mmCIF file of all heavy atoms, coordinates in Angstrom:
data_MODEL
# 
_entry.id   MODEL 
# 
loop_
_atom_site.group_PDB 
_atom_site.id 
_atom_site.type_symbol 
_atom_site.label_atom_id 
_atom_site.label_alt_id 
_atom_site.label_comp_id 
_atom_site.label_asym_id 
_atom_site.label_entity_id 
_atom_site.label_seq_id 
_atom_site.pdbx_PDB_ins_code 
_atom_site.Cartn_x 
_atom_site.Cartn_y 
_atom_site.Cartn_z 
_atom_site.occupancy 
_atom_site.B_iso_or_equiv 
_atom_site.pdbx_formal_charge 
_atom_site.auth_seq_id 
_atom_site.auth_comp_id 
_atom_site.auth_asym_id 
_atom_site.auth_atom_id 
_atom_site.pdbx_PDB_model_num 
ATOM 1   N N   . THR A 1 1  ? 0.850   -1.247 -0.020  1.00 0.00 ? 1  THR A N   1 
ATOM 2   C CA  . THR A 1 1  ? -0.026  -0.016 -0.053  1.00 0.00 ? 1  THR A CA  1 
ATOM 3   C C   . THR A 1 1  ? 0.874   1.289  -0.024  1.00 0.00 ? 1  THR A C   1 
ATOM 4   O O   . THR A 1 1  ? 0.559   2.270  -0.747  1.00 0.00 ? 1  THR A O   1 
ATOM 5   C CB  . THR A 1 1  ? -0.911  0.014  1.242   1.00 0.00 ? 1  THR A CB  1 
ATOM 6   O OG1 . THR A 1 1  ? -1.905  -0.970 1.104   1.00 0.00 ? 1  THR A OG1 1 
ATOM 7   C CG2 . THR A 1 1  ? -1.638  1.336  1.280   1.00 0.00 ? 1  THR A CG2 1 
ATOM 8   N N   . PHE A 1 2  ? 1.866   1.330  0.860   1.00 0.00 ? 2  PHE A N   1 
ATOM 9   C CA  . PHE A 1 2  ? 2.830   2.369  0.951   1.00 0.00 ? 2  PHE A CA  1 
ATOM 10  C C   . PHE A 1 2  ? 3.433   2.593  -0.544  1.00 0.00 ? 2  PHE A C   1 
ATOM 11  O O   . PHE A 1 2  ? 3.596   3.727  -1.020  1.00 0.00 ? 2  PHE A O   1 
ATOM 12  C CB  . PHE A 1 2  ? 3.974   2.191  1.772   1.00 0.00 ? 2  PHE A CB  1 
ATOM 13  C CG  . PHE A 1 2  ? 3.608   2.083  3.360   1.00 0.00 ? 2  PHE A CG  1 
ATOM 14  C CD1 . PHE A 1 2  ? 4.476   1.492  4.214   1.00 0.00 ? 2  PHE A CD1 1 
ATOM 15  C CD2 . PHE A 1 2  ? 2.360   2.754  3.683   1.00 0.00 ? 2  PHE A CD2 1 
ATOM 16  C CE1 . PHE A 1 2  ? 4.053   1.406  5.485   1.00 0.00 ? 2  PHE A CE1 1 
ATOM 17  C CE2 . PHE A 1 2  ? 1.969   2.670  5.006   1.00 0.00 ? 2  PHE A CE2 1 
ATOM 18  C CZ  . PHE A 1 2  ? 2.839   1.903  5.957   1.00 0.00 ? 2  PHE A CZ  1 
ATOM 19  N N   . PHE A 1 3  ? 3.759   1.497  -1.250  1.00 0.00 ? 3  PHE A N   1 
ATOM 20  C CA  . PHE A 1 3  ? 4.482   1.697  -2.431  1.00 0.00 ? 3  PHE A CA  1 
ATOM 21  C C   . PHE A 1 3  ? 3.432   2.225  -3.601  1.00 0.00 ? 3  PHE A C   1 
ATOM 22  O O   . PHE A 1 3  ? 3.878   2.842  -4.446  1.00 0.00 ? 3  PHE A O   1 
ATOM 23  C CB  . PHE A 1 3  ? 5.217   0.312  -2.885  1.00 0.00 ? 3  PHE A CB  1 
ATOM 24  C CG  . PHE A 1 3  ? 6.172   -0.187 -1.913  1.00 0.00 ? 3  PHE A CG  1 
ATOM 25  C CD1 . PHE A 1 3  ? 6.494   -1.569 -1.957  1.00 0.00 ? 3  PHE A CD1 1 
ATOM 26  C CD2 . PHE A 1 3  ? 6.779   0.691  -0.990  1.00 0.00 ? 3  PHE A CD2 1 
ATOM 27  C CE1 . PHE A 1 3  ? 7.389   -1.937 -0.988  1.00 0.00 ? 3  PHE A CE1 1 
ATOM 28  C CE2 . PHE A 1 3  ? 7.608   0.236  -0.093  1.00 0.00 ? 3  PHE A CE2 1 
ATOM 29  C CZ  . PHE A 1 3  ? 7.990   -1.249 -0.090  1.00 0.00 ? 3  PHE A CZ  1 
ATOM 30  N N   . LEU A 1 4  ? 2.222   1.706  -3.484  1.00 0.00 ? 4  LEU A N   1 
ATOM 31  C CA  . LEU A 1 4  ? 1.251   2.115  -4.470  1.00 0.00 ? 4  LEU A CA  1 
ATOM 32  C C   . LEU A 1 4  ? 1.027   3.627  -4.380  1.00 0.00 ? 4  LEU A C   1 
ATOM 33  O O   . LEU A 1 4  ? 0.777   4.242  -5.401  1.00 0.00 ? 4  LEU A O   1 
ATOM 34  C CB  . LEU A 1 4  ? -0.060  1.476  -4.077  1.00 0.00 ? 4  LEU A CB  1 
ATOM 35  C CG  . LEU A 1 4  ? -0.291  0.049  -4.648  1.00 0.00 ? 4  LEU A CG  1 
ATOM 36  C CD1 . LEU A 1 4  ? -1.687  -0.519 -4.277  1.00 0.00 ? 4  LEU A CD1 1 
ATOM 37  C CD2 . LEU A 1 4  ? -0.303  -0.030 -6.163  1.00 0.00 ? 4  LEU A CD2 1 
ATOM 38  N N   . ALA A 1 5  ? 1.229   4.146  -3.220  1.00 0.00 ? 5  ALA A N   1 
ATOM 39  C CA  . ALA A 1 5  ? 0.960   5.599  -3.071  1.00 0.00 ? 5  ALA A CA  1 
ATOM 40  C C   . ALA A 1 5  ? 1.983   6.410  -3.873  1.00 0.00 ? 5  ALA A C   1 
ATOM 41  O O   . ALA A 1 5  ? 1.636   7.538  -4.272  1.00 0.00 ? 5  ALA A O   1 
ATOM 42  C CB  . ALA A 1 5  ? 1.050   6.032  -1.572  1.00 0.00 ? 5  ALA A CB  1 
ATOM 43  N N   . ILE A 1 6  ? 3.168   5.951  -4.134  1.00 0.00 ? 6  ILE A N   1 
ATOM 44  C CA  . ILE A 1 6  ? 4.215   6.710  -4.871  1.00 0.00 ? 6  ILE A CA  1 
ATOM 45  C C   . ILE A 1 6  ? 3.649   7.233  -6.248  1.00 0.00 ? 6  ILE A C   1 
ATOM 46  O O   . ILE A 1 6  ? 3.589   8.236  -6.499  1.00 0.00 ? 6  ILE A O   1 
ATOM 47  C CB  . ILE A 1 6  ? 5.484   6.037  -4.910  1.00 0.00 ? 6  ILE A CB  1 
ATOM 48  C CG1 . ILE A 1 6  ? 6.030   5.687  -3.438  1.00 0.00 ? 6  ILE A CG1 1 
ATOM 49  C CG2 . ILE A 1 6  ? 6.472   6.888  -5.615  1.00 0.00 ? 6  ILE A CG2 1 
ATOM 50  C CD1 . ILE A 1 6  ? 7.302   4.871  -3.450  1.00 0.00 ? 6  ILE A CD1 1 
ATOM 51  N N   . PRO A 1 7  ? 3.343   6.295  -7.102  1.00 0.00 ? 7  PRO A N   1 
ATOM 52  C CA  . PRO A 1 7  ? 2.873   6.740  -8.456  1.00 0.00 ? 7  PRO A CA  1 
ATOM 53  C C   . PRO A 1 7  ? 1.626   7.425  -8.388  1.00 0.00 ? 7  PRO A C   1 
ATOM 54  O O   . PRO A 1 7  ? 1.251   8.331  -9.218  1.00 0.00 ? 7  PRO A O   1 
ATOM 55  C CB  . PRO A 1 7  ? 2.785   5.407  -9.288  1.00 0.00 ? 7  PRO A CB  1 
ATOM 56  C CG  . PRO A 1 7  ? 2.674   4.360  -8.273  1.00 0.00 ? 7  PRO A CG  1 
ATOM 57  C CD  . PRO A 1 7  ? 3.479   4.824  -7.205  1.00 0.00 ? 7  PRO A CD  1 
ATOM 58  N N   . VAL A 1 8  ? 0.636   6.904  -7.460  1.00 0.00 ? 8  VAL A N   1 
ATOM 59  C CA  . VAL A 1 8  ? -0.827  7.421  -7.401  1.00 0.00 ? 8  VAL A CA  1 
ATOM 60  C C   . VAL A 1 8  ? -0.764  8.921  -6.985  1.00 0.00 ? 8  VAL A C   1 
ATOM 61  O O   . VAL A 1 8  ? -1.305  9.795  -7.615  1.00 0.00 ? 8  VAL A O   1 
ATOM 62  C CB  . VAL A 1 8  ? -1.626  6.594  -6.317  1.00 0.00 ? 8  VAL A CB  1 
ATOM 63  C CG1 . VAL A 1 8  ? -2.942  7.328  -6.063  1.00 0.00 ? 8  VAL A CG1 1 
ATOM 64  C CG2 . VAL A 1 8  ? -1.876  5.297  -6.928  1.00 0.00 ? 8  VAL A CG2 1 
ATOM 65  N N   . MET A 1 9  ? 0.032   9.221  -5.951  1.00 0.00 ? 9  MET A N   1 
ATOM 66  C CA  . MET A 1 9  ? 0.080   10.634 -5.400  1.00 0.00 ? 9  MET A CA  1 
ATOM 67  C C   . MET A 1 9  ? 0.917   11.439 -6.291  1.00 0.00 ? 9  MET A C   1 
ATOM 68  O O   . MET A 1 9  ? 0.552   12.672 -6.413  1.00 0.00 ? 9  MET A O   1 
ATOM 69  C CB  . MET A 1 9  ? 0.712   10.617 -3.945  1.00 0.00 ? 9  MET A CB  1 
ATOM 70  C CG  . MET A 1 9  ? -0.264  9.963  -2.963  1.00 0.00 ? 9  MET A CG  1 
ATOM 71  S SD  . MET A 1 9  ? -1.843  10.825 -2.891  1.00 0.00 ? 9  MET A SD  1 
ATOM 72  C CE  . MET A 1 9  ? -2.990  9.824  -3.809  1.00 0.00 ? 9  MET A CE  1 
ATOM 73  N N   . LEU A 1 10 ? 1.983   10.912 -6.877  1.00 0.00 ? 10 LEU A N   1 
ATOM 74  C CA  . LEU A 1 10 ? 2.809   11.698 -7.940  1.00 0.00 ? 10 LEU A CA  1 
ATOM 75  C C   . LEU A 1 10 ? 1.749   12.068 -9.163  1.00 0.00 ? 10 LEU A C   1 
ATOM 76  O O   . LEU A 1 10 ? 1.817   13.299 -9.527  1.00 0.00 ? 10 LEU A O   1 
ATOM 77  C CB  . LEU A 1 10 ? 3.848   10.943 -8.337  1.00 0.00 ? 10 LEU A CB  1 
ATOM 78  C CG  . LEU A 1 10 ? 5.213   10.832 -7.439  1.00 0.00 ? 10 LEU A CG  1 
ATOM 79  C CD1 . LEU A 1 10 ? 6.162   9.908  -8.035  1.00 0.00 ? 10 LEU A CD1 1 
ATOM 80  C CD2 . LEU A 1 10 ? 5.749   12.287 -7.118  1.00 0.00 ? 10 LEU A CD2 1 
ATOM 81  N N   . GLY A 1 11 ? 1.022   11.215 -9.689  1.00 0.00 ? 11 GLY A N   1 
ATOM 82  C CA  . GLY A 1 11 ? 0.132   11.353 -10.678 1.00 0.00 ? 11 GLY A CA  1 
ATOM 83  C C   . GLY A 1 11 ? -0.965  12.468 -10.376 1.00 0.00 ? 11 GLY A C   1 
ATOM 84  O O   . GLY A 1 11 ? -1.203  13.356 -11.133 1.00 0.00 ? 11 GLY A O   1 
ATOM 85  N N   . ALA A 1 12 ? -1.533  12.167 -9.202  1.00 0.00 ? 12 ALA A N   1 
ATOM 86  C CA  . ALA A 1 12 ? -2.656  13.066 -8.790  1.00 0.00 ? 12 ALA A CA  1 
ATOM 87  C C   . ALA A 1 12 ? -2.153  14.531 -8.540  1.00 0.00 ? 12 ALA A C   1 
ATOM 88  O O   . ALA A 1 12 ? -2.845  15.459 -8.814  1.00 0.00 ? 12 ALA A O   1 
ATOM 89  C CB  . ALA A 1 12 ? -3.334  12.522 -7.489  1.00 0.00 ? 12 ALA A CB  1 
ATOM 90  N N   . SER A 1 13 ? -0.907  14.622 -7.951  1.00 0.00 ? 13 SER A N   1 
ATOM 91  C CA  . SER A 1 13 ? -0.357  15.914 -7.617  1.00 0.00 ? 13 SER A CA  1 
ATOM 92  C C   . SER A 1 13 ? -0.004  16.671 -8.952  1.00 0.00 ? 13 SER A C   1 
ATOM 93  O O   . SER A 1 13 ? -0.235  17.816 -9.079  1.00 0.00 ? 13 SER A O   1 
ATOM 94  C CB  . SER A 1 13 ? 0.853   15.805 -6.779  1.00 0.00 ? 13 SER A CB  1 
ATOM 95  O OG  . SER A 1 13 ? 0.509   15.229 -5.554  1.00 0.00 ? 13 SER A OG  1 
ATOM 96  N N   . LEU A 1 14 ? 0.464   15.849 -9.858  1.00 0.00 ? 14 LEU A N   1 
ATOM 97  C CA  . LEU A 1 14 ? 0.806   16.395 -11.261 1.00 0.00 ? 14 LEU A CA  1 
ATOM 98  C C   . LEU A 1 14 ? -0.347  17.113 -11.851 1.00 0.00 ? 14 LEU A C   1 
ATOM 99  O O   . LEU A 1 14 ? -0.383  18.213 -12.485 1.00 0.00 ? 14 LEU A O   1 
ATOM 100 C CB  . LEU A 1 14 ? 1.568   15.501 -12.173 1.00 0.00 ? 14 LEU A CB  1 
ATOM 101 C CG  . LEU A 1 14 ? 1.975   15.932 -13.447 1.00 0.00 ? 14 LEU A CG  1 
ATOM 102 C CD1 . LEU A 1 14 ? 2.916   17.144 -13.348 1.00 0.00 ? 14 LEU A CD1 1 
ATOM 103 C CD2 . LEU A 1 14 ? 2.612   14.828 -14.241 1.00 0.00 ? 14 LEU A CD2 1 
ATOM 104 N N   . LEU A 1 15 ? -1.418  16.276 -11.917 1.00 0.00 ? 15 LEU A N   1 
ATOM 105 C CA  . LEU A 1 15 ? -2.691  16.656 -12.517 1.00 0.00 ? 15 LEU A CA  1 
ATOM 106 C C   . LEU A 1 15 ? -3.234  17.985 -11.887 1.00 0.00 ? 15 LEU A C   1 
ATOM 107 O O   . LEU A 1 15 ? -3.608  18.997 -12.533 1.00 0.00 ? 15 LEU A O   1 
ATOM 108 C CB  . LEU A 1 15 ? -3.737  15.658 -12.354 1.00 0.00 ? 15 LEU A CB  1 
ATOM 109 C CG  . LEU A 1 15 ? -3.616  14.361 -13.236 1.00 0.00 ? 15 LEU A CG  1 
ATOM 110 C CD1 . LEU A 1 15 ? -4.605  13.435 -12.877 1.00 0.00 ? 15 LEU A CD1 1 
ATOM 111 C CD2 . LEU A 1 15 ? -3.613  14.844 -14.722 1.00 0.00 ? 15 LEU A CD2 1 
ATOM 112 N N   . LYS A 1 16 ? -3.250  18.075 -10.464 1.00 0.00 ? 16 LYS A N   1 
ATOM 113 C CA  . LYS A 1 16 ? -3.686  19.285 -9.808  1.00 0.00 ? 16 LYS A CA  1 
ATOM 114 C C   . LYS A 1 16 ? -2.811  20.434 -9.974  1.00 0.00 ? 16 LYS A C   1 
ATOM 115 O O   . LYS A 1 16 ? -3.276  21.595 -10.208 1.00 0.00 ? 16 LYS A O   1 
ATOM 116 C CB  . LYS A 1 16 ? -3.676  19.056 -8.216  1.00 0.00 ? 16 LYS A CB  1 
ATOM 117 C CG  . LYS A 1 16 ? -4.834  17.991 -7.791  1.00 0.00 ? 16 LYS A CG  1 
ATOM 118 C CD  . LYS A 1 16 ? -6.060  18.372 -8.060  1.00 0.00 ? 16 LYS A CD  1 
ATOM 119 C CE  . LYS A 1 16 ? -7.221  17.527 -7.680  1.00 0.00 ? 16 LYS A CE  1 
ATOM 120 N NZ  . LYS A 1 16 ? -8.517  17.894 -8.020  1.00 0.00 ? 16 LYS A NZ  1 
ATOM 121 N N   . ILE A 1 17 ? -1.335  20.216 -10.033 1.00 0.00 ? 17 ILE A N   1 
ATOM 122 C CA  . ILE A 1 17 ? -0.538  21.291 -10.465 1.00 0.00 ? 17 ILE A CA  1 
ATOM 123 C C   . ILE A 1 17 ? -0.717  21.883 -11.761 1.00 0.00 ? 17 ILE A C   1 
ATOM 124 O O   . ILE A 1 17 ? -0.739  23.104 -11.957 1.00 0.00 ? 17 ILE A O   1 
ATOM 125 C CB  . ILE A 1 17 ? 0.972   21.050 -10.111 1.00 0.00 ? 17 ILE A CB  1 
ATOM 126 C CG1 . ILE A 1 17 ? 1.195   20.636 -8.601  1.00 0.00 ? 17 ILE A CG1 1 
ATOM 127 C CG2 . ILE A 1 17 ? 1.935   22.066 -10.696 1.00 0.00 ? 17 ILE A CG2 1 
ATOM 128 C CD1 . ILE A 1 17 ? 2.552   20.165 -8.263  1.00 0.00 ? 17 ILE A CD1 1 
ATOM 129 N N   . VAL A 1 18 ? -0.899  21.019 -12.761 1.00 0.00 ? 18 VAL A N   1 
ATOM 130 C CA  . VAL A 1 18 ? -1.040  21.452 -14.195 1.00 0.00 ? 18 VAL A CA  1 
ATOM 131 C C   . VAL A 1 18 ? -2.390  22.270 -14.222 1.00 0.00 ? 18 VAL A C   1 
ATOM 132 O O   . VAL A 1 18 ? -2.565  23.306 -14.897 1.00 0.00 ? 18 VAL A O   1 
ATOM 133 C CB  . VAL A 1 18 ? -1.253  20.191 -14.981 1.00 0.00 ? 18 VAL A CB  1 
ATOM 134 C CG1 . VAL A 1 18 ? -1.645  20.565 -16.373 1.00 0.00 ? 18 VAL A CG1 1 
ATOM 135 C CG2 . VAL A 1 18 ? 0.332   19.546 -15.142 1.00 0.00 ? 18 VAL A CG2 1 
ATOM 136 N N   . LYS A 1 19 ? -3.388  21.678 -13.510 1.00 0.00 ? 19 LYS A N   1 
ATOM 137 C CA  . LYS A 1 19 ? -4.680  22.364 -13.565 1.00 0.00 ? 19 LYS A CA  1 
ATOM 138 C C   . LYS A 1 19 ? -4.648  23.848 -12.900 1.00 0.00 ? 19 LYS A C   1 
ATOM 139 O O   . LYS A 1 19 ? -5.187  24.713 -13.387 1.00 0.00 ? 19 LYS A O   1 
ATOM 140 C CB  . LYS A 1 19 ? -5.726  21.538 -12.716 1.00 0.00 ? 19 LYS A CB  1 
ATOM 141 C CG  . LYS A 1 19 ? -7.129  22.193 -12.689 1.00 0.00 ? 19 LYS A CG  1 
ATOM 142 C CD  . LYS A 1 19 ? -8.057  21.279 -12.033 1.00 0.00 ? 19 LYS A CD  1 
ATOM 143 C CE  . LYS A 1 19 ? -9.534  21.933 -11.882 1.00 0.00 ? 19 LYS A CE  1 
ATOM 144 N NZ  . LYS A 1 19 ? -10.442 21.084 -11.115 1.00 0.00 ? 19 LYS A NZ  1 
ATOM 145 N N   . PHE A 1 20 ? -3.891  23.867 -11.795 1.00 0.00 ? 20 PHE A N   1 
ATOM 146 C CA  . PHE A 1 20 ? -3.687  25.165 -11.013 1.00 0.00 ? 20 PHE A CA  1 
ATOM 147 C C   . PHE A 1 20 ? -2.822  26.094 -11.805 1.00 0.00 ? 20 PHE A C   1 
ATOM 148 O O   . PHE A 1 20 ? -3.010  27.257 -11.712 1.00 0.00 ? 20 PHE A O   1 
ATOM 149 C CB  . PHE A 1 20 ? -3.371  24.842 -9.619  1.00 0.00 ? 20 PHE A CB  1 
ATOM 150 C CG  . PHE A 1 20 ? -3.118  26.159 -8.717  1.00 0.00 ? 20 PHE A CG  1 
ATOM 151 C CD1 . PHE A 1 20 ? -4.330  26.734 -8.116  1.00 0.00 ? 20 PHE A CD1 1 
ATOM 152 C CD2 . PHE A 1 20 ? -1.883  26.688 -8.502  1.00 0.00 ? 20 PHE A CD2 1 
ATOM 153 C CE1 . PHE A 1 20 ? -4.204  27.885 -7.304  1.00 0.00 ? 20 PHE A CE1 1 
ATOM 154 C CE2 . PHE A 1 20 ? -1.794  27.895 -7.748  1.00 0.00 ? 20 PHE A CE2 1 
ATOM 155 C CZ  . PHE A 1 20 ? -2.906  28.371 -7.246  1.00 0.00 ? 20 PHE A CZ  1 
ATOM 156 N N   . GLY A 1 21 ? -1.807  25.532 -12.374 1.00 0.00 ? 21 GLY A N   1 
ATOM 157 C CA  . GLY A 1 21 ? -0.767  26.420 -13.035 1.00 0.00 ? 21 GLY A CA  1 
ATOM 158 C C   . GLY A 1 21 ? 0.289   26.721 -11.986 1.00 0.00 ? 21 GLY A C   1 
ATOM 159 O O   . GLY A 1 21 ? 0.238   26.246 -10.810 1.00 0.00 ? 21 GLY A O   1 
ATOM 160 N N   . LEU A 1 22 ? 1.281   27.600 -12.391 1.00 0.00 ? 22 LEU A N   1 
ATOM 161 C CA  . LEU A 1 22 ? 2.344   27.883 -11.513 1.00 0.00 ? 22 LEU A CA  1 
ATOM 162 C C   . LEU A 1 22 ? 2.111   29.505 -11.065 1.00 0.00 ? 22 LEU A C   1 
ATOM 163 O O   . LEU A 1 22 ? 3.029   30.295 -10.969 1.00 0.00 ? 22 LEU A O   1 
ATOM 164 C CB  . LEU A 1 22 ? 3.650   27.797 -12.326 1.00 0.00 ? 22 LEU A CB  1 
ATOM 165 C CG  . LEU A 1 22 ? 4.079   26.351 -12.603 1.00 0.00 ? 22 LEU A CG  1 
ATOM 166 C CD1 . LEU A 1 22 ? 5.360   26.337 -13.484 1.00 0.00 ? 22 LEU A CD1 1 
ATOM 167 C CD2 . LEU A 1 22 ? 4.193   25.530 -11.355 1.00 0.00 ? 22 LEU A CD2 1 
ATOM 168 N N   . ARG A 1 23 ? 0.838   29.729 -10.786 1.00 0.00 ? 23 ARG A N   1 
ATOM 169 C CA  . ARG A 1 23 ? 0.504   31.101 -10.481 1.00 0.00 ? 23 ARG A CA  1 
ATOM 170 C C   . ARG A 1 23 ? 0.537   31.252 -8.890  1.00 0.00 ? 23 ARG A C   1 
ATOM 171 O O   . ARG A 1 23 ? -0.350  31.873 -8.200  1.00 0.00 ? 23 ARG A O   1 
ATOM 172 C CB  . ARG A 1 23 ? -0.923  31.303 -10.952 1.00 0.00 ? 23 ARG A CB  1 
ATOM 173 C CG  . ARG A 1 23 ? -1.076  31.146 -12.435 1.00 0.00 ? 23 ARG A CG  1 
ATOM 174 C CD  . ARG A 1 23 ? -2.480  31.417 -12.855 1.00 0.00 ? 23 ARG A CD  1 
ATOM 175 N NE  . ARG A 1 23 ? -3.529  30.911 -12.037 1.00 0.00 ? 23 ARG A NE  1 
ATOM 176 C CZ  . ARG A 1 23 ? -4.034  29.763 -12.351 1.00 0.00 ? 23 ARG A CZ  1 
ATOM 177 N NH1 . ARG A 1 23 ? -3.513  29.022 -13.510 1.00 0.00 ? 23 ARG A NH1 1 
ATOM 178 N NH2 . ARG A 1 23 ? -4.967  29.109 -11.599 1.00 0.00 ? 23 ARG A NH2 1 
ATOM 179 N N   . PHE A 1 24 ? 1.618   30.800 -8.264  1.00 0.00 ? 24 PHE A N   1 
ATOM 180 C CA  . PHE A 1 24 ? 1.665   30.787 -6.781  1.00 0.00 ? 24 PHE A CA  1 
ATOM 181 C C   . PHE A 1 24 ? 2.102   32.188 -6.442  1.00 0.00 ? 24 PHE A C   1 
ATOM 182 O O   . PHE A 1 24 ? 2.981   32.813 -6.844  1.00 0.00 ? 24 PHE A O   1 
ATOM 183 C CB  . PHE A 1 24 ? 2.630   29.892 -6.323  1.00 0.00 ? 24 PHE A CB  1 
ATOM 184 C CG  . PHE A 1 24 ? 2.300   28.416 -6.493  1.00 0.00 ? 24 PHE A CG  1 
ATOM 185 C CD1 . PHE A 1 24 ? 2.935   27.649 -7.428  1.00 0.00 ? 24 PHE A CD1 1 
ATOM 186 C CD2 . PHE A 1 24 ? 1.433   27.795 -5.670  1.00 0.00 ? 24 PHE A CD2 1 
ATOM 187 C CE1 . PHE A 1 24 ? 2.656   26.302 -7.751  1.00 0.00 ? 24 PHE A CE1 1 
ATOM 188 C CE2 . PHE A 1 24 ? 1.088   26.416 -5.937  1.00 0.00 ? 24 PHE A CE2 1 
ATOM 189 C CZ  . PHE A 1 24 ? 1.730   25.720 -6.970  1.00 0.00 ? 24 PHE A CZ  1 
ATOM 190 N N   . THR A 1 25 ? 1.290   32.721 -5.328  1.00 0.00 ? 25 THR A N   1 
ATOM 191 C CA  . THR A 1 25 ? 1.803   33.879 -4.666  1.00 0.00 ? 25 THR A CA  1 
ATOM 192 C C   . THR A 1 25 ? 2.913   33.527 -3.736  1.00 0.00 ? 25 THR A C   1 
ATOM 193 O O   . THR A 1 25 ? 2.953   32.301 -3.469  1.00 0.00 ? 25 THR A O   1 
ATOM 194 C CB  . THR A 1 25 ? 0.641   34.615 -3.828  1.00 0.00 ? 25 THR A CB  1 
ATOM 195 O OG1 . THR A 1 25 ? 0.227   33.732 -2.826  1.00 0.00 ? 25 THR A OG1 1 
ATOM 196 C CG2 . THR A 1 25 ? -0.540  34.975 -4.821  1.00 0.00 ? 25 THR A CG2 1 
ATOM 197 N N   . THR A 1 26 ? 3.500   34.468 -3.103  1.00 0.00 ? 26 THR A N   1 
ATOM 198 C CA  . THR A 1 26 ? 4.650   34.142 -2.108  1.00 0.00 ? 26 THR A CA  1 
ATOM 199 C C   . THR A 1 26 ? 4.000   33.253 -0.838  1.00 0.00 ? 26 THR A C   1 
ATOM 200 O O   . THR A 1 26 ? 4.517   32.349 -0.415  1.00 0.00 ? 26 THR A O   1 
ATOM 201 C CB  . THR A 1 26 ? 5.267   35.276 -1.590  1.00 0.00 ? 26 THR A CB  1 
ATOM 202 O OG1 . THR A 1 26 ? 5.795   36.036 -2.725  1.00 0.00 ? 26 THR A OG1 1 
ATOM 203 C CG2 . THR A 1 26 ? 6.419   35.046 -0.614  1.00 0.00 ? 26 THR A CG2 1 
ATOM 204 N N   . ILE A 1 27 ? 2.859   33.697 -0.360  1.00 0.00 ? 27 ILE A N   1 
ATOM 205 C CA  . ILE A 1 27 ? 2.268   33.129 0.727   1.00 0.00 ? 27 ILE A CA  1 
ATOM 206 C C   . ILE A 1 27 ? 1.683   31.803 0.327   1.00 0.00 ? 27 ILE A C   1 
ATOM 207 O O   . ILE A 1 27 ? 1.964   30.731 1.064   1.00 0.00 ? 27 ILE A O   1 
ATOM 208 C CB  . ILE A 1 27 ? 0.980   33.968 1.220   1.00 0.00 ? 27 ILE A CB  1 
ATOM 209 C CG1 . ILE A 1 27 ? 1.342   35.274 1.725   1.00 0.00 ? 27 ILE A CG1 1 
ATOM 210 C CG2 . ILE A 1 27 ? 0.182   33.184 2.211   1.00 0.00 ? 27 ILE A CG2 1 
ATOM 211 C CD1 . ILE A 1 27 ? 2.362   35.066 3.157   1.00 0.00 ? 27 ILE A CD1 1 
# 
């Protein structure tokens, strides 16, 4: 289960970051 989390969370995080973009404020 721990090992499954690696690609699952990497993939999910990548999708969210792409959707959000790199428009981060400093905060």
